[in-house]
């Protein structure tokens, strides 16, 4: 089991991500993101373990009174090995600041290396179970232009996974 601190969009602005989840699901063995039962999100940090009290403190210290993050997505991308499709947010000082605040509260060395400062790639995952026979089509989808859309991330939370279980959350104003 792992633990994560994520920004999530529990509102209608996340509908374009949901539509992309459905589109990417056609390339998967099963619809990976819908199966999570968790809204569209951007993960800020992943840990093997962080005590609940500390995580709750971080959510409060780093995010209480902070506004919701409005992020614009302008293209799809992919990670290799395994193939993962994702939506890329445009550069955002607010998003960079949110990531930095988490790591200012919890030693970055405790975080999974891909989510540490200097290594983190902000992304909203669209699919993780791409079948080998559909990989070329999935990559072609990720390389096509898309119409820009905005998503409002209105909650930050601390979850365990998999399955995803929300342990603590902090609404954003």
Protein backbone atom coordinates (compact mmCIF):
# COMPACT_ATOMS: atom_id res chain seq x y z
CA UNK A 1 0.00 0.00 0.00
CA UNK A 2 1.15 3.52 -0.80
CA UNK A 3 -0.07 6.96 0.20
CA UNK A 4 -0.47 10.14 -1.85
CA UNK A 5 -1.26 13.81 -1.50
CA UNK A 6 -3.28 14.93 -4.50
CA UNK A 7 -5.30 17.79 -5.88
CA UNK A 8 -8.67 16.58 -7.12
CA UNK A 9 -11.49 18.05 -9.15
CA UNK A 10 -14.83 17.00 -7.70
CA UNK A 11 -16.90 19.27 -9.93
CA UNK A 12 -18.27 19.54 -13.48
CA UNK A 13 -15.13 21.21 -14.83
CA UNK A 14 -13.55 17.73 -14.72
CA UNK A 15 -15.96 16.43 -17.38
CA UNK A 16 -13.41 16.78 -20.21
CA UNK A 17 -11.02 14.54 -18.27
CA UNK A 18 -13.84 12.02 -17.78
CA UNK A 19 -14.48 12.07 -21.53
CA UNK A 20 -10.79 11.40 -22.16
CA UNK A 21 -10.88 8.54 -19.64
CA UNK A 22 -13.65 6.97 -21.74
CA UNK A 23 -11.74 7.51 -24.97
CA UNK A 24 -8.53 6.00 -23.56
CA UNK A 25 -10.45 3.08 -22.00
CA UNK A 26 -10.95 1.62 -25.49
CA UNK A 27 -7.21 0.83 -25.51
CA UNK A 28 -7.15 -0.76 -22.05
CA UNK A 29 -7.71 -4.22 -20.65
CA UNK A 30 -10.16 -2.49 -18.29
CA UNK A 31 -10.95 1.24 -17.81
CA UNK A 32 -8.20 1.94 -15.29
CA UNK A 33 -9.13 5.44 -14.16
CA UNK A 34 -12.89 4.90 -13.88
CA UNK A 35 -12.16 1.72 -11.91
CA UNK A 36 -10.43 3.80 -9.21
CA UNK A 37 -13.73 5.36 -8.15
CA UNK A 38 -11.79 8.59 -7.60
CA UNK A 39 -12.15 11.94 -9.41
CA UNK A 40 -9.64 13.40 -11.86
CA UNK A 41 -6.54 14.44 -9.94
CA UNK A 42 -2.92 15.55 -9.99
CA UNK A 43 -0.68 13.76 -7.53
CA UNK A 44 1.74 16.04 -5.69
CA UNK A 45 3.58 13.39 -3.65
CA UNK A 46 3.64 9.62 -3.08
CA UNK A 47 4.96 7.95 0.08
CA UNK A 48 5.37 4.46 1.45
CA UNK A 49 3.95 5.77 4.72
CA UNK A 50 3.26 9.08 6.41
CA UNK A 51 1.40 9.13 9.73
CA UNK A 52 -2.18 10.39 9.45
CA UNK A 53 -1.58 13.16 11.99
CA UNK A 54 1.37 14.49 9.97
CA UNK A 55 -0.50 14.26 6.67
CA UNK A 56 -3.52 16.07 8.14
CA UNK A 57 -1.21 18.78 9.47
CA UNK A 58 0.37 19.16 6.02
CA UNK A 59 -3.01 19.53 4.34
CA UNK A 60 -3.99 22.22 6.82
CA UNK A 61 -0.61 24.02 6.92
CA UNK A 62 0.00 24.00 3.19
CA UNK A 63 -3.56 24.48 1.88
CA UNK A 64 -5.97 26.02 4.42
CA UNK A 65 -7.37 29.27 3.02
CA UNK A 66 -5.78 28.68 -0.38
CA UNK A 67 -7.86 29.13 -3.52
CA UNK A 68 -8.86 26.32 -5.85
CA UNK A 69 -6.39 25.79 -8.67
CA UNK A 70 -7.61 26.53 -12.19
CA UNK A 71 -5.44 24.62 -14.60
CA UNK A 72 -5.59 24.66 -18.38
CA UNK A 73 -4.84 21.47 -20.28
CA UNK A 74 -3.59 21.91 -23.83
CA UNK A 75 -2.17 18.55 -24.86
CA UNK A 76 -1.99 14.85 -24.19
CA UNK A 77 1.27 13.04 -23.51
CA UNK A 78 2.53 9.60 -22.54
CA UNK A 79 5.10 7.91 -20.35
CA UNK A 80 6.84 4.78 -21.66
CA UNK A 81 7.40 1.43 -19.94
CA UNK A 82 4.66 0.92 -19.06
CA UNK A 83 2.70 3.07 -21.46
CA UNK A 84 0.61 5.61 -19.52
CA UNK A 85 -1.45 8.32 -21.23
CA UNK A 86 -1.94 11.65 -19.47
CA UNK A 87 -3.14 15.22 -19.89
CA UNK A 88 -0.57 17.94 -19.41
CA UNK A 89 -1.47 21.14 -17.57
CA UNK A 90 0.00 24.39 -18.85
CA UNK A 91 2.76 25.76 -16.63
CA UNK A 92 1.27 27.23 -13.47
CA UNK A 93 3.00 29.10 -10.67
CA UNK A 94 0.12 28.10 -8.36
CA UNK A 95 0.62 24.41 -9.11
CA UNK A 96 4.40 24.67 -8.67
CA UNK A 97 3.80 26.45 -5.36
CA UNK A 98 1.37 23.75 -4.16
CA UNK A 99 3.96 21.06 -4.90
CA UNK A 100 6.69 23.05 -3.13
CA UNK A 101 4.51 23.61 -0.04
CA UNK A 102 3.98 19.86 0.39
CA UNK A 103 7.69 19.18 0.14
CA UNK A 104 8.51 22.04 2.51
CA UNK A 105 6.39 20.24 5.13
CA UNK A 106 7.57 16.65 4.53
CA UNK A 107 11.17 15.74 3.77
CA UNK A 108 11.33 15.14 -0.02
CA UNK A 109 13.62 12.15 0.59
CA UNK A 110 10.58 10.32 2.03
CA UNK A 111 8.72 10.79 -1.27
CA UNK A 112 8.79 8.46 -4.28
CA UNK A 113 11.62 9.73 -6.54
CA UNK A 114 9.32 10.62 -9.48
CA UNK A 115 7.35 13.06 -7.30
CA UNK A 116 10.27 14.87 -5.68
CA UNK A 117 11.18 18.47 -6.49
CA UNK A 118 13.19 18.59 -9.69
CA UNK A 119 11.82 15.26 -10.96
CA UNK A 120 8.04 15.75 -10.76
CA UNK A 121 6.09 16.00 -14.02
CA UNK A 122 2.63 17.49 -13.38
CA UNK A 123 0.06 15.26 -15.06
CA UNK A 124 -3.52 14.02 -14.92
CA UNK A 125 -3.49 10.32 -15.75
CA UNK A 126 -5.90 9.12 -18.43
CA UNK A 127 -5.03 5.42 -18.67
CA UNK A 128 -2.56 2.94 -17.20
CA UNK A 129 -3.61 -0.45 -18.62
CA UNK A 130 -2.93 0.05 -22.34
CA UNK A 131 -2.95 -3.28 -24.15
CA UNK A 132 0.10 -4.05 -26.30
CA UNK A 133 -2.03 -4.45 -29.43
CA UNK A 134 -3.37 -0.87 -29.02
CA UNK A 135 -0.17 0.91 -28.02
CA UNK A 136 0.44 2.51 -31.45
CA UNK A 137 -3.14 3.83 -31.53
CA UNK A 138 -2.86 5.11 -27.96
CA UNK A 139 0.37 6.95 -28.75
CA UNK A 140 -1.26 8.43 -31.86
CA UNK A 141 -4.11 9.69 -29.66
CA UNK A 142 -1.62 11.26 -27.26
CA UNK A 143 0.15 13.01 -30.12
CA UNK A 144 -2.95 14.57 -31.70
CA UNK A 145 -3.83 18.22 -30.97
CA UNK A 146 -6.67 18.85 -28.52
CA UNK A 147 -8.83 21.87 -27.74
CA UNK A 148 -7.67 23.54 -24.53
CA UNK A 149 -9.90 23.09 -21.49
CA UNK A 150 -9.83 24.30 -17.89
CA UNK A 151 -10.30 22.16 -14.79
CA UNK A 152 -10.80 23.53 -11.28
CA UNK A 153 -9.04 21.46 -8.62
CA UNK A 154 -11.02 22.29 -5.50
CA UNK A 155 -9.81 19.77 -2.88
CA UNK A 156 -6.45 18.48 -1.72
CA UNK A 157 -6.44 15.10 -0.03
CA UNK A 158 -4.37 12.34 1.51
CA UNK A 159 -5.23 8.87 0.23
CA UNK A 160 -4.07 5.30 0.46
CA UNK A 161 -4.05 3.17 -2.68
CA UNK A 162 -4.90 0.75 -4.22
CA UNK A 163 -7.81 0.74 -3.80
CA UNK A 164 -8.06 4.49 -3.33
CA UNK A 165 -9.31 5.39 0.14
CA UNK A 166 -9.55 9.07 1.16
CA UNK A 167 -8.03 9.42 4.61
CA UNK A 168 -8.10 13.22 5.01
CA UNK A 169 -8.98 16.18 2.83
CA UNK A 170 -8.83 19.95 2.79
CA UNK A 171 -11.24 21.97 0.62
CA UNK A 172 -9.72 24.82 -1.35
CA UNK A 173 -11.54 28.16 -1.40
